[in-house]
């Protein structure tokens, strides 16, 4: 694996390290918000999904993923 050195401020470096695990891995979740997620929630509950429900789903997925740790 090739590495490349970059210059960054101490603040940016500290911010990146704050969200990384012990191995330097940053866990991130990308969730579709253009309609597919809203449609899936609506289908599961039998009625339209509100913005609050979509947000709650994303928060819950993120929390569960964070507790589970890296895959």
PDB file of N, CA and C in Angstrom:
ATOM      1  N   UNK A   1       0.839  -1.170   0.000  1.00  0.00           N
ATOM      2  CA  UNK A   1       0.000   0.000   0.000  1.00  0.00           C
ATOM      3  C   UNK A   1       0.889   1.239   0.000  1.00  0.00           C
ATOM      4  N   UNK A   2       0.645   2.112  -0.919  1.00  0.00           N
ATOM      5  CA  UNK A   2       1.424   3.337  -1.033  1.00  0.00           C
ATOM      6  C   UNK A   2       0.848   4.403  -0.114  1.00  0.00           C
ATOM      7  N   UNK A   3       1.695   5.138   0.576  1.00  0.00           N
ATOM      8  CA  UNK A   3       1.234   6.235   1.420  1.00  0.00           C
ATOM      9  C   UNK A   3       1.684   7.562   0.842  1.00  0.00           C
ATOM     10  N   UNK A   4       0.913   8.564   1.102  1.00  0.00           N
ATOM     11  CA  UNK A   4       1.220   9.909   0.646  1.00  0.00           C
ATOM     12  C   UNK A   4       1.157  10.846   1.837  1.00  0.00           C
ATOM     13  N   UNK A   5       2.142  11.691   1.992  1.00  0.00           N
ATOM     14  CA  UNK A   5       2.135  12.664   3.077  1.00  0.00           C
ATOM     15  C   UNK A   5       1.391  13.910   2.620  1.00  0.00           C
ATOM     16  N   UNK A   6       0.595  14.458   3.522  1.00  0.00           N
ATOM     17  CA  UNK A   6      -0.126  15.697   3.243  1.00  0.00           C
ATOM     18  C   UNK A   6       0.100  16.660   4.404  1.00  0.00           C
ATOM     19  N   UNK A   7      -0.051  17.939   4.110  1.00  0.00           N
ATOM     20  CA  UNK A   7       0.054  18.960   5.153  1.00  0.00           C
ATOM     21  C   UNK A   7      -1.354  19.359   5.561  1.00  0.00           C
ATOM     22  N   UNK A   8      -1.560  19.475   6.877  1.00  0.00           N
ATOM     23  CA  UNK A   8      -2.842  19.958   7.385  1.00  0.00           C
ATOM     24  C   UNK A   8      -2.617  20.627   8.728  1.00  0.00           C
ATOM     25  N   UNK A   9      -3.587  21.432   9.106  1.00  0.00           N
ATOM     26  CA  UNK A   9      -3.470  22.140  10.377  1.00  0.00           C
ATOM     27  C   UNK A   9      -3.601  21.154  11.537  1.00  0.00           C
ATOM     28  N   UNK A  10      -3.097  21.552  12.684  1.00  0.00           N
ATOM     29  CA  UNK A  10      -3.220  20.729  13.893  1.00  0.00           C
ATOM     30  C   UNK A  10      -4.692  20.525  14.228  1.00  0.00           C
ATOM     31  N   UNK A  11      -5.523  21.550  14.051  1.00  0.00           N
ATOM     32  CA  UNK A  11      -6.950  21.425  14.345  1.00  0.00           C
ATOM     33  C   UNK A  11      -7.638  20.399  13.466  1.00  0.00           C
ATOM     34  N   UNK A  12      -7.330  20.420  12.176  1.00  0.00           N
ATOM     35  CA  UNK A  12      -7.917  19.442  11.255  1.00  0.00           C
ATOM     36  C   UNK A  12      -7.445  18.036  11.612  1.00  0.00           C
ATOM     37  N   UNK A  13      -6.166  17.894  11.908  1.00  0.00           N
ATOM     38  CA  UNK A  13      -5.599  16.601  12.294  1.00  0.00           C
ATOM     39  C   UNK A  13      -6.302  16.071  13.546  1.00  0.00           C
ATOM     40  N   UNK A  14      -6.470  16.930  14.546  1.00  0.00           N
ATOM     41  CA  UNK A  14      -7.140  16.513  15.781  1.00  0.00           C
ATOM     42  C   UNK A  14      -8.596  16.146  15.520  1.00  0.00           C
ATOM     43  N   UNK A  15      -9.261  16.897  14.636  1.00  0.00           N
ATOM     44  CA  UNK A  15     -10.648  16.586  14.305  1.00  0.00           C
ATOM     45  C   UNK A  15     -10.799  15.239  13.630  1.00  0.00           C
ATOM     46  N   UNK A  16      -9.903  14.939  12.708  1.00  0.00           N
ATOM     47  CA  UNK A  16      -9.935  13.640  12.029  1.00  0.00           C
ATOM     48  C   UNK A  16      -9.675  12.514  13.024  1.00  0.00           C
ATOM     49  N   UNK A  17      -8.703  12.707  13.886  1.00  0.00           N
ATOM     50  CA  UNK A  17      -8.402  11.681  14.885  1.00  0.00           C
ATOM     51  C   UNK A  17      -9.544  11.481  15.872  1.00  0.00           C
ATOM     52  N   UNK A  18     -10.327  12.523  16.114  1.00  0.00           N
ATOM     53  CA  UNK A  18     -11.445  12.420  17.048  1.00  0.00           C
ATOM     54  C   UNK A  18     -12.530  11.478  16.544  1.00  0.00           C
ATOM     55  N   UNK A  19     -12.662  11.333  15.233  1.00  0.00           N
ATOM     56  CA  UNK A  19     -13.704  10.456  14.687  1.00  0.00           C
ATOM     57  C   UNK A  19     -13.152   9.116  14.203  1.00  0.00           C
ATOM     58  N   UNK A  20     -11.864   8.889  14.372  1.00  0.00           N
ATOM     59  CA  UNK A  20     -11.238   7.632  13.939  1.00  0.00           C
ATOM     60  C   UNK A  20     -11.120   6.679  15.124  1.00  0.00           C
ATOM     61  N   UNK A  21     -11.085   5.389  14.812  1.00  0.00           N
ATOM     62  CA  UNK A  21     -10.891   4.395  15.871  1.00  0.00           C
ATOM     63  C   UNK A  21      -9.401   4.214  16.156  1.00  0.00           C
ATOM     64  N   UNK A  22      -9.073   3.228  16.981  1.00  0.00           N
ATOM     65  CA  UNK A  22      -7.690   3.000  17.384  1.00  0.00           C
ATOM     66  C   UNK A  22      -6.761   2.679  16.212  1.00  0.00           C
ATOM     67  N   UNK A  23      -7.316   2.133  15.130  1.00  0.00           N
ATOM     68  CA  UNK A  23      -6.523   1.803  13.952  1.00  0.00           C
ATOM     69  C   UNK A  23      -6.503   2.946  12.930  1.00  0.00           C
ATOM     70  N   UNK A  24      -7.136   4.069  13.249  1.00  0.00           N
ATOM     71  CA  UNK A  24      -7.174   5.199  12.332  1.00  0.00           C
ATOM     72  C   UNK A  24      -8.276   5.112  11.295  1.00  0.00           C
ATOM     73  N   UNK A  25      -9.224   4.190  11.489  1.00  0.00           N
ATOM     74  CA  UNK A  25     -10.320   4.000  10.543  1.00  0.00           C
ATOM     75  C   UNK A  25     -11.481   4.903  10.925  1.00  0.00           C
ATOM     76  N   UNK A  26     -12.027   5.602   9.938  1.00  0.00           N
ATOM     77  CA  UNK A  26     -13.200   6.440  10.153  1.00  0.00           C
ATOM     78  C   UNK A  26     -14.416   5.690   9.624  1.00  0.00           C
ATOM     79  N   UNK A  27     -15.345   5.373  10.521  1.00  0.00           N
ATOM     80  CA  UNK A  27     -16.571   4.685  10.121  1.00  0.00           C
ATOM     81  C   UNK A  27     -17.578   5.729   9.655  1.00  0.00           C
ATOM     82  N   UNK A  28     -18.184   5.503   8.524  1.00  0.00           N
ATOM     83  CA  UNK A  28     -19.167   6.438   7.987  1.00  0.00           C
ATOM     84  C   UNK A  28     -20.314   5.660   7.363  1.00  0.00           C
ATOM     85  N   UNK A  29     -21.483   6.237   7.449  1.00  0.00           N
ATOM     86  CA  UNK A  29     -22.662   5.616   6.847  1.00  0.00           C
ATOM     87  C   UNK A  29     -23.262   6.585   5.835  1.00  0.00           C
ATOM     88  N   UNK A  30     -23.541   6.087   4.660  1.00  0.00           N
ATOM     89  CA  UNK A  30     -24.197   6.895   3.637  1.00  0.00           C
ATOM     90  C   UNK A  30     -25.561   6.262   3.374  1.00  0.00           C
ATOM     91  N   UNK A  31     -26.603   7.042   3.576  1.00  0.00           N
ATOM     92  CA  UNK A  31     -27.947   6.516   3.392  1.00  0.00           C
ATOM     93  C   UNK A  31     -28.691   7.340   2.354  1.00  0.00           C
ATOM     94  N   UNK A  32     -29.393   6.653   1.495  1.00  0.00           N
ATOM     95  CA  UNK A  32     -30.151   7.297   0.439  1.00  0.00           C
ATOM     96  C   UNK A  32     -31.271   8.134   1.051  1.00  0.00           C
ATOM     97  N   UNK A  33     -31.344   9.377   0.660  1.00  0.00           N
ATOM     98  CA  UNK A  33     -32.429  10.228   1.148  1.00  0.00           C
ATOM     99  C   UNK A  33     -33.233  10.835   0.013  1.00  0.00           C
ATOM    100  N   UNK A  34     -33.082  10.290  -1.172  1.00  0.00           N
ATOM    101  CA  UNK A  34     -33.777  10.862  -2.327  1.00  0.00           C
ATOM    102  C   UNK A  34     -35.109  10.194  -2.616  1.00  0.00           C
ATOM    103  N   UNK A  35     -35.559   9.341  -1.768  1.00  0.00           N
ATOM    104  CA  UNK A  35     -36.865   8.740  -2.003  1.00  0.00           C
ATOM    105  C   UNK A  35     -36.943   7.262  -1.685  1.00  0.00           C
ATOM    106  N   UNK A  36     -35.892   6.520  -1.976  1.00  0.00           N
ATOM    107  CA  UNK A  36     -35.926   5.073  -1.749  1.00  0.00           C
ATOM    108  C   UNK A  36     -36.125   4.732  -0.275  1.00  0.00           C
ATOM    109  N   UNK A  37     -35.410   5.412   0.585  1.00  0.00           N
ATOM    110  CA  UNK A  37     -35.546   5.150   2.018  1.00  0.00           C
ATOM    111  C   UNK A  37     -36.947   5.530   2.495  1.00  0.00           C
ATOM    112  N   UNK A  38     -37.419   6.674   2.055  1.00  0.00           N
ATOM    113  CA  UNK A  38     -38.761   7.131   2.438  1.00  0.00           C
ATOM    114  C   UNK A  38     -39.823   6.131   1.961  1.00  0.00           C
ATOM    115  N   UNK A  39     -39.680   5.621   0.740  1.00  0.00           N
ATOM    116  CA  UNK A  39     -40.633   4.644   0.200  1.00  0.00           C
ATOM    117  C   UNK A  39     -40.585   3.336   0.983  1.00  0.00           C
ATOM    118  N   UNK A  40     -39.381   2.907   1.363  1.00  0.00           N
ATOM    119  CA  UNK A  40     -39.252   1.656   2.116  1.00  0.00           C
ATOM    120  C   UNK A  40     -39.907   1.770   3.488  1.00  0.00           C
ATOM    121  N   UNK A  41     -39.712   2.899   4.149  1.00  0.00           N
ATOM    122  CA  UNK A  41     -40.355   3.108   5.457  1.00  0.00           C
ATOM    123  C   UNK A  41     -41.860   3.164   5.292  1.00  0.00           C
ATOM    124  N   UNK A  42     -42.332   3.880   4.276  1.00  0.00           N
ATOM    125  CA  UNK A  42     -43.772   3.987   4.027  1.00  0.00           C
ATOM    126  C   UNK A  42     -44.391   2.619   3.761  1.00  0.00           C
ATOM    127  N   UNK A  43     -43.712   1.805   2.984  1.00  0.00           N
ATOM    128  CA  UNK A  43     -44.228   0.466   2.679  1.00  0.00           C
ATOM    129  C   UNK A  43     -44.303  -0.383   3.950  1.00  0.00           C
ATOM    130  N   UNK A  44     -43.288  -0.284   4.785  1.00  0.00           N
ATOM    131  CA  UNK A  44     -43.243  -1.092   6.014  1.00  0.00           C
ATOM    132  C   UNK A  44     -44.333  -0.689   7.002  1.00  0.00           C
ATOM    133  N   UNK A  45     -44.657   0.591   7.058  1.00  0.00           N
ATOM    134  CA  UNK A  45     -45.644   1.032   8.047  1.00  0.00           C
ATOM    135  C   UNK A  45     -47.029   1.259   7.459  1.00  0.00           C
ATOM    136  N   UNK A  46     -47.146   1.195   6.124  1.00  0.00           N
ATOM    137  CA  UNK A  46     -48.450   1.328   5.491  1.00  0.00           C
ATOM    138  C   UNK A  46     -48.944   2.750   5.343  1.00  0.00           C
ATOM    139  N   UNK A  47     -48.066   3.731   5.545  1.00  0.00           N
ATOM    140  CA  UNK A  47     -48.427   5.140   5.343  1.00  0.00           C
ATOM    141  C   UNK A  47     -47.159   5.931   5.035  1.00  0.00           C
ATOM    142  N   UNK A  48     -47.351   7.171   4.552  1.00  0.00           N
ATOM    143  CA  UNK A  48     -46.203   7.990   4.190  1.00  0.00           C
ATOM    144  C   UNK A  48     -45.247   8.161   5.366  1.00  0.00           C
ATOM    145  N   UNK A  49     -43.958   8.245   5.052  1.00  0.00           N
ATOM    146  CA  UNK A  49     -42.931   8.467   6.072  1.00  0.00           C
ATOM    147  C   UNK A  49     -42.662   9.960   6.199  1.00  0.00           C
ATOM    148  N   UNK A  50     -42.658  10.448   7.420  1.00  0.00           N
ATOM    149  CA  UNK A  50     -42.386  11.864   7.664  1.00  0.00           C
ATOM    150  C   UNK A  50     -40.877  12.116   7.675  1.00  0.00           C
ATOM    151  N   UNK A  51     -40.498  13.382   7.586  1.00  0.00           N
ATOM    152  CA  UNK A  51     -39.085  13.745   7.697  1.00  0.00           C
ATOM    153  C   UNK A  51     -38.513  13.269   9.033  1.00  0.00           C
ATOM    154  N   UNK A  52     -39.308  13.402  10.092  1.00  0.00           N
ATOM    155  CA  UNK A  52     -38.859  12.980  11.424  1.00  0.00           C
ATOM    156  C   UNK A  52     -38.591  11.475  11.471  1.00  0.00           C
ATOM    157  N   UNK A  53     -39.429  10.682  10.814  1.00  0.00           N
ATOM    158  CA  UNK A  53     -39.230   9.234  10.795  1.00  0.00           C
ATOM    159  C   UNK A  53     -37.978   8.857  10.021  1.00  0.00           C
ATOM    160  N   UNK A  54     -37.726   9.531   8.898  1.00  0.00           N
ATOM    161  CA  UNK A  54     -36.524   9.264   8.113  1.00  0.00           C
ATOM    162  C   UNK A  54     -35.291   9.621   8.944  1.00  0.00           C
ATOM    163  N   UNK A  55     -35.331  10.760   9.620  1.00  0.00           N
ATOM    164  CA  UNK A  55     -34.212  11.173  10.470  1.00  0.00           C
ATOM    165  C   UNK A  55     -33.995  10.184  11.602  1.00  0.00           C
ATOM    166  N   UNK A  56     -35.080   9.750  12.242  1.00  0.00           N
ATOM    167  CA  UNK A  56     -34.969   8.788  13.339  1.00  0.00           C
ATOM    168  C   UNK A  56     -34.340   7.483  12.848  1.00  0.00           C
ATOM    169  N   UNK A  57     -34.746   7.019  11.676  1.00  0.00           N
ATOM    170  CA  UNK A  57     -34.180   5.798  11.118  1.00  0.00           C
ATOM    171  C   UNK A  57     -32.671   5.945  10.926  1.00  0.00           C
ATOM    172  N   UNK A  58     -32.254   7.061  10.346  1.00  0.00           N
ATOM    173  CA  UNK A  58     -30.827   7.294  10.101  1.00  0.00           C
ATOM    174  C   UNK A  58     -30.037   7.340  11.402  1.00  0.00           C
ATOM    175  N   UNK A  59     -30.602   7.986  12.414  1.00  0.00           N
ATOM    176  CA  UNK A  59     -29.936   8.058  13.717  1.00  0.00           C
ATOM    177  C   UNK A  59     -29.786   6.663  14.309  1.00  0.00           C
ATOM    178  N   UNK A  60     -30.849   5.880  14.259  1.00  0.00           N
ATOM    179  CA  UNK A  60     -30.803   4.527  14.835  1.00  0.00           C
ATOM    180  C   UNK A  60     -29.792   3.640  14.104  1.00  0.00           C
ATOM    181  N   UNK A  61     -29.774   3.713  12.785  1.00  0.00           N
ATOM    182  CA  UNK A  61     -28.815   2.917  12.014  1.00  0.00           C
ATOM    183  C   UNK A  61     -27.390   3.326  12.369  1.00  0.00           C
ATOM    184  N   UNK A  62     -27.155   4.613  12.489  1.00  0.00           N
ATOM    185  CA  UNK A  62     -25.824   5.100  12.828  1.00  0.00           C
ATOM    186  C   UNK A  62     -25.414   4.634  14.215  1.00  0.00           C
ATOM    187  N   UNK A  63     -26.331   4.711  15.180  1.00  0.00           N
ATOM    188  CA  UNK A  63     -26.018   4.272  16.546  1.00  0.00           C
ATOM    189  C   UNK A  63     -25.704   2.783  16.593  1.00  0.00           C
ATOM    190  N   UNK A  64     -26.510   1.976  15.932  1.00  0.00           N
ATOM    191  CA  UNK A  64     -26.284   0.527  15.923  1.00  0.00           C
ATOM    192  C   UNK A  64     -24.961   0.208  15.231  1.00  0.00           C
ATOM    193  N   UNK A  65     -24.682   0.884  14.127  1.00  0.00           N
ATOM    194  CA  UNK A  65     -23.430   0.653  13.406  1.00  0.00           C
ATOM    195  C   UNK A  65     -22.238   1.038  14.265  1.00  0.00           C
ATOM    196  N   UNK A  66     -22.345   2.138  14.984  1.00  0.00           N
ATOM    197  CA  UNK A  66     -21.249   2.612  15.823  1.00  0.00           C
ATOM    198  C   UNK A  66     -21.001   1.624  16.969  1.00  0.00           C
ATOM    199  N   UNK A  67     -22.084   1.114  17.577  1.00  0.00           N
ATOM    200  CA  UNK A  67     -21.927   0.167  18.688  1.00  0.00           C
ATOM    201  C   UNK A  67     -21.331  -1.139  18.202  1.00  0.00           C
ATOM    202  N   UNK A  68     -21.676  -1.538  16.993  1.00  0.00           N
ATOM    203  CA  UNK A  68     -21.175  -2.801  16.443  1.00  0.00           C
ATOM    204  C   UNK A  68     -19.687  -2.718  16.124  1.00  0.00           C
ATOM    205  N   UNK A  69     -19.242  -1.577  15.668  1.00  0.00           N
ATOM    206  CA  UNK A  69     -17.834  -1.381  15.340  1.00  0.00           C
ATOM    207  C   UNK A  69     -17.548  -1.754  13.907  1.00  0.00           C
ATOM    208  N   UNK A  70     -16.274  -1.680  13.521  1.00  0.00           N
ATOM    209  CA  UNK A  70     -15.881  -1.965  12.143  1.00  0.00           C
ATOM    210  C   UNK A  70     -16.246  -3.384  11.718  1.00  0.00           C
ATOM    211  N   UNK A  71     -16.615  -3.506  10.464  1.00  0.00           N
ATOM    212  CA  UNK A  71     -16.960  -4.835   9.937  1.00  0.00           C
ATOM    213  C   UNK A  71     -15.751  -5.488   9.330  1.00  0.00           C
TER     214      UNK A  71
END
